[in-house]
């Protein structure tokens, strides 16, 4: 399992290579990547606890409708 986890970390590191984020003096976020690209990466690779229950309910509803 540790080997698989290491491979995932290596892949993530390659996807984020060159990524930098900072807050300027006006409080604005400045990044080296487009925010849309960062959001797409996070959507693919990070589990959001807020939506976990909603996904489970949606999956259960689809299974019930199929029966």
N, C-alpha and C. Protein backbone atom coordinates (compact mmCIF):
# COMPACT_ATOMS: atom_id res chain seq x y z
N UNK A 1 0.83 -1.19 0.00
CA UNK A 1 0.00 0.00 0.00
C UNK A 1 0.87 1.26 0.00
N UNK A 2 1.97 1.21 0.71
CA UNK A 2 2.84 2.39 0.76
C UNK A 2 3.39 2.71 -0.61
N UNK A 3 3.67 1.67 -1.41
CA UNK A 3 4.19 1.89 -2.75
C UNK A 3 3.15 2.59 -3.62
N UNK A 4 1.88 2.17 -3.50
CA UNK A 4 0.81 2.80 -4.27
C UNK A 4 0.64 4.25 -3.86
N UNK A 5 0.67 4.50 -2.57
CA UNK A 5 0.54 5.86 -2.05
C UNK A 5 1.68 6.74 -2.55
N UNK A 6 2.90 6.19 -2.58
CA UNK A 6 4.06 6.94 -3.07
C UNK A 6 3.88 7.28 -4.54
N UNK A 7 3.34 6.34 -5.34
CA UNK A 7 3.13 6.60 -6.75
C UNK A 7 2.11 7.72 -6.95
N UNK A 8 1.06 7.73 -6.13
CA UNK A 8 0.06 8.79 -6.21
C UNK A 8 0.69 10.13 -5.87
N UNK A 9 1.55 10.16 -4.87
CA UNK A 9 2.21 11.41 -4.49
C UNK A 9 3.13 11.89 -5.59
N UNK A 10 3.85 10.96 -6.23
CA UNK A 10 4.74 11.34 -7.32
C UNK A 10 3.95 11.92 -8.48
N UNK A 11 2.82 11.30 -8.80
CA UNK A 11 1.97 11.79 -9.90
C UNK A 11 1.43 13.17 -9.57
N UNK A 12 1.00 13.36 -8.32
CA UNK A 12 0.49 14.66 -7.90
C UNK A 12 1.58 15.72 -7.98
N UNK A 13 2.77 15.36 -7.57
CA UNK A 13 3.88 16.31 -7.61
C UNK A 13 4.17 16.73 -9.04
N UNK A 14 4.08 15.79 -9.99
CA UNK A 14 4.32 16.13 -11.38
C UNK A 14 3.23 17.05 -11.91
N UNK A 15 1.99 16.82 -11.51
CA UNK A 15 0.88 17.65 -11.97
C UNK A 15 0.97 19.07 -11.42
N UNK A 16 1.56 19.22 -10.26
CA UNK A 16 1.65 20.53 -9.63
C UNK A 16 3.03 21.17 -9.75
N UNK A 17 3.89 20.58 -10.55
CA UNK A 17 5.24 21.11 -10.69
C UNK A 17 5.19 22.54 -11.21
N UNK A 18 5.88 23.42 -10.55
CA UNK A 18 5.92 24.82 -10.94
C UNK A 18 4.77 25.65 -10.38
N UNK A 19 3.90 25.03 -9.59
CA UNK A 19 2.76 25.75 -9.02
C UNK A 19 3.23 26.58 -7.83
N UNK A 20 2.82 27.82 -7.83
CA UNK A 20 3.14 28.71 -6.74
C UNK A 20 1.91 29.57 -6.45
N UNK A 21 1.70 29.85 -5.18
CA UNK A 21 0.56 30.67 -4.79
C UNK A 21 1.04 31.67 -3.73
N UNK A 22 0.54 32.89 -3.82
CA UNK A 22 0.88 33.89 -2.80
C UNK A 22 -0.25 34.90 -2.71
N UNK A 23 -0.25 35.65 -1.63
CA UNK A 23 -1.22 36.71 -1.41
C UNK A 23 -0.47 38.04 -1.54
N UNK A 24 -0.95 38.91 -2.42
CA UNK A 24 -0.26 40.19 -2.60
C UNK A 24 -0.66 41.18 -1.49
N UNK A 25 -0.12 42.37 -1.55
CA UNK A 25 -0.35 43.36 -0.49
C UNK A 25 -1.80 43.83 -0.42
N UNK A 26 -2.60 43.57 -1.45
CA UNK A 26 -4.00 43.96 -1.45
C UNK A 26 -4.93 42.82 -1.04
N UNK A 27 -4.34 41.66 -0.66
CA UNK A 27 -5.13 40.52 -0.23
C UNK A 27 -5.63 39.67 -1.38
N UNK A 28 -5.11 39.89 -2.58
CA UNK A 28 -5.53 39.12 -3.75
C UNK A 28 -4.62 37.89 -3.90
N UNK A 29 -5.24 36.77 -4.30
CA UNK A 29 -4.50 35.54 -4.52
C UNK A 29 -3.85 35.58 -5.90
N UNK A 30 -2.57 35.31 -5.93
CA UNK A 30 -1.83 35.25 -7.19
C UNK A 30 -1.23 33.86 -7.32
N UNK A 31 -1.47 33.22 -8.47
CA UNK A 31 -0.94 31.88 -8.70
C UNK A 31 -0.22 31.84 -10.04
N UNK A 32 0.59 30.79 -10.22
CA UNK A 32 1.27 30.59 -11.49
C UNK A 32 0.44 29.75 -12.44
N UNK A 33 -0.70 29.22 -11.96
CA UNK A 33 -1.62 28.45 -12.79
C UNK A 33 -2.98 29.12 -12.74
N UNK A 34 -3.77 28.88 -13.77
CA UNK A 34 -5.13 29.42 -13.79
C UNK A 34 -5.95 28.77 -12.67
N UNK A 35 -6.78 29.55 -12.02
CA UNK A 35 -7.60 29.05 -10.93
C UNK A 35 -8.50 27.90 -11.39
N UNK A 36 -9.02 27.97 -12.62
CA UNK A 36 -9.86 26.90 -13.15
C UNK A 36 -9.10 25.58 -13.22
N UNK A 37 -7.83 25.64 -13.58
CA UNK A 37 -7.02 24.43 -13.65
C UNK A 37 -6.76 23.87 -12.25
N UNK A 38 -6.53 24.74 -11.28
CA UNK A 38 -6.34 24.31 -9.89
C UNK A 38 -7.62 23.67 -9.38
N UNK A 39 -8.77 24.29 -9.64
CA UNK A 39 -10.05 23.72 -9.20
C UNK A 39 -10.32 22.37 -9.84
N UNK A 40 -10.01 22.22 -11.11
CA UNK A 40 -10.21 20.94 -11.79
C UNK A 40 -9.33 19.86 -11.16
N UNK A 41 -8.10 20.20 -10.83
CA UNK A 41 -7.19 19.26 -10.18
C UNK A 41 -7.74 18.85 -8.81
N UNK A 42 -8.20 19.82 -8.03
CA UNK A 42 -8.73 19.51 -6.71
C UNK A 42 -9.99 18.67 -6.80
N UNK A 43 -10.86 18.94 -7.77
CA UNK A 43 -12.08 18.15 -7.94
C UNK A 43 -11.76 16.69 -8.24
N UNK A 44 -10.71 16.45 -8.99
CA UNK A 44 -10.33 15.09 -9.35
C UNK A 44 -9.63 14.35 -8.22
N UNK A 45 -8.86 15.05 -7.40
CA UNK A 45 -7.95 14.39 -6.48
C UNK A 45 -8.26 14.55 -4.99
N UNK A 46 -9.22 15.38 -4.64
CA UNK A 46 -9.50 15.63 -3.23
C UNK A 46 -10.96 15.29 -2.94
N UNK A 47 -11.17 14.49 -1.89
CA UNK A 47 -12.51 14.14 -1.46
C UNK A 47 -13.09 15.28 -0.63
N UNK A 48 -14.26 15.76 -0.99
CA UNK A 48 -14.89 16.87 -0.27
C UNK A 48 -15.91 16.29 0.71
N UNK A 49 -15.67 16.46 1.99
CA UNK A 49 -16.55 15.90 3.02
C UNK A 49 -17.96 16.45 2.94
N UNK A 50 -18.11 17.69 2.51
CA UNK A 50 -19.44 18.31 2.46
C UNK A 50 -20.34 17.58 1.48
N UNK A 51 -19.77 17.06 0.40
CA UNK A 51 -20.57 16.44 -0.64
C UNK A 51 -20.59 14.92 -0.57
N UNK A 52 -19.86 14.34 0.36
CA UNK A 52 -19.78 12.89 0.48
C UNK A 52 -21.16 12.28 0.72
N UNK A 53 -21.92 12.82 1.66
CA UNK A 53 -23.25 12.30 1.95
C UNK A 53 -24.19 12.48 0.78
N UNK A 54 -24.09 13.60 0.10
CA UNK A 54 -24.96 13.87 -1.05
C UNK A 54 -24.70 12.85 -2.16
N UNK A 55 -23.44 12.53 -2.42
CA UNK A 55 -23.11 11.55 -3.45
C UNK A 55 -23.70 10.18 -3.10
N UNK A 56 -23.59 9.80 -1.83
CA UNK A 56 -24.12 8.50 -1.40
C UNK A 56 -25.64 8.46 -1.56
N UNK A 57 -26.32 9.56 -1.23
CA UNK A 57 -27.77 9.61 -1.38
C UNK A 57 -28.17 9.55 -2.85
N UNK A 58 -27.42 10.26 -3.70
CA UNK A 58 -27.70 10.24 -5.14
C UNK A 58 -27.50 8.85 -5.71
N UNK A 59 -26.44 8.16 -5.30
CA UNK A 59 -26.19 6.81 -5.78
C UNK A 59 -27.29 5.86 -5.32
N UNK A 60 -27.74 6.01 -4.08
CA UNK A 60 -28.81 5.16 -3.56
C UNK A 60 -30.12 5.42 -4.33
N UNK A 61 -30.38 6.67 -4.66
CA UNK A 61 -31.60 7.01 -5.40
C UNK A 61 -31.56 6.40 -6.80
N UNK A 62 -30.40 6.41 -7.43
CA UNK A 62 -30.26 5.83 -8.76
C UNK A 62 -30.48 4.32 -8.69
N UNK A 63 -29.95 3.68 -7.68
CA UNK A 63 -30.13 2.23 -7.52
C UNK A 63 -31.59 1.90 -7.26
N UNK A 64 -32.28 2.70 -6.46
CA UNK A 64 -33.69 2.47 -6.18
C UNK A 64 -34.53 2.66 -7.44
N UNK A 65 -34.18 3.65 -8.25
CA UNK A 65 -34.92 3.91 -9.48
C UNK A 65 -34.72 2.80 -10.49
N UNK A 66 -33.56 2.16 -10.46
CA UNK A 66 -33.26 1.07 -11.40
C UNK A 66 -34.07 -0.18 -11.08
N UNK A 67 -34.44 -0.34 -9.83
CA UNK A 67 -35.20 -1.53 -9.41
C UNK A 67 -36.62 -1.35 -9.79
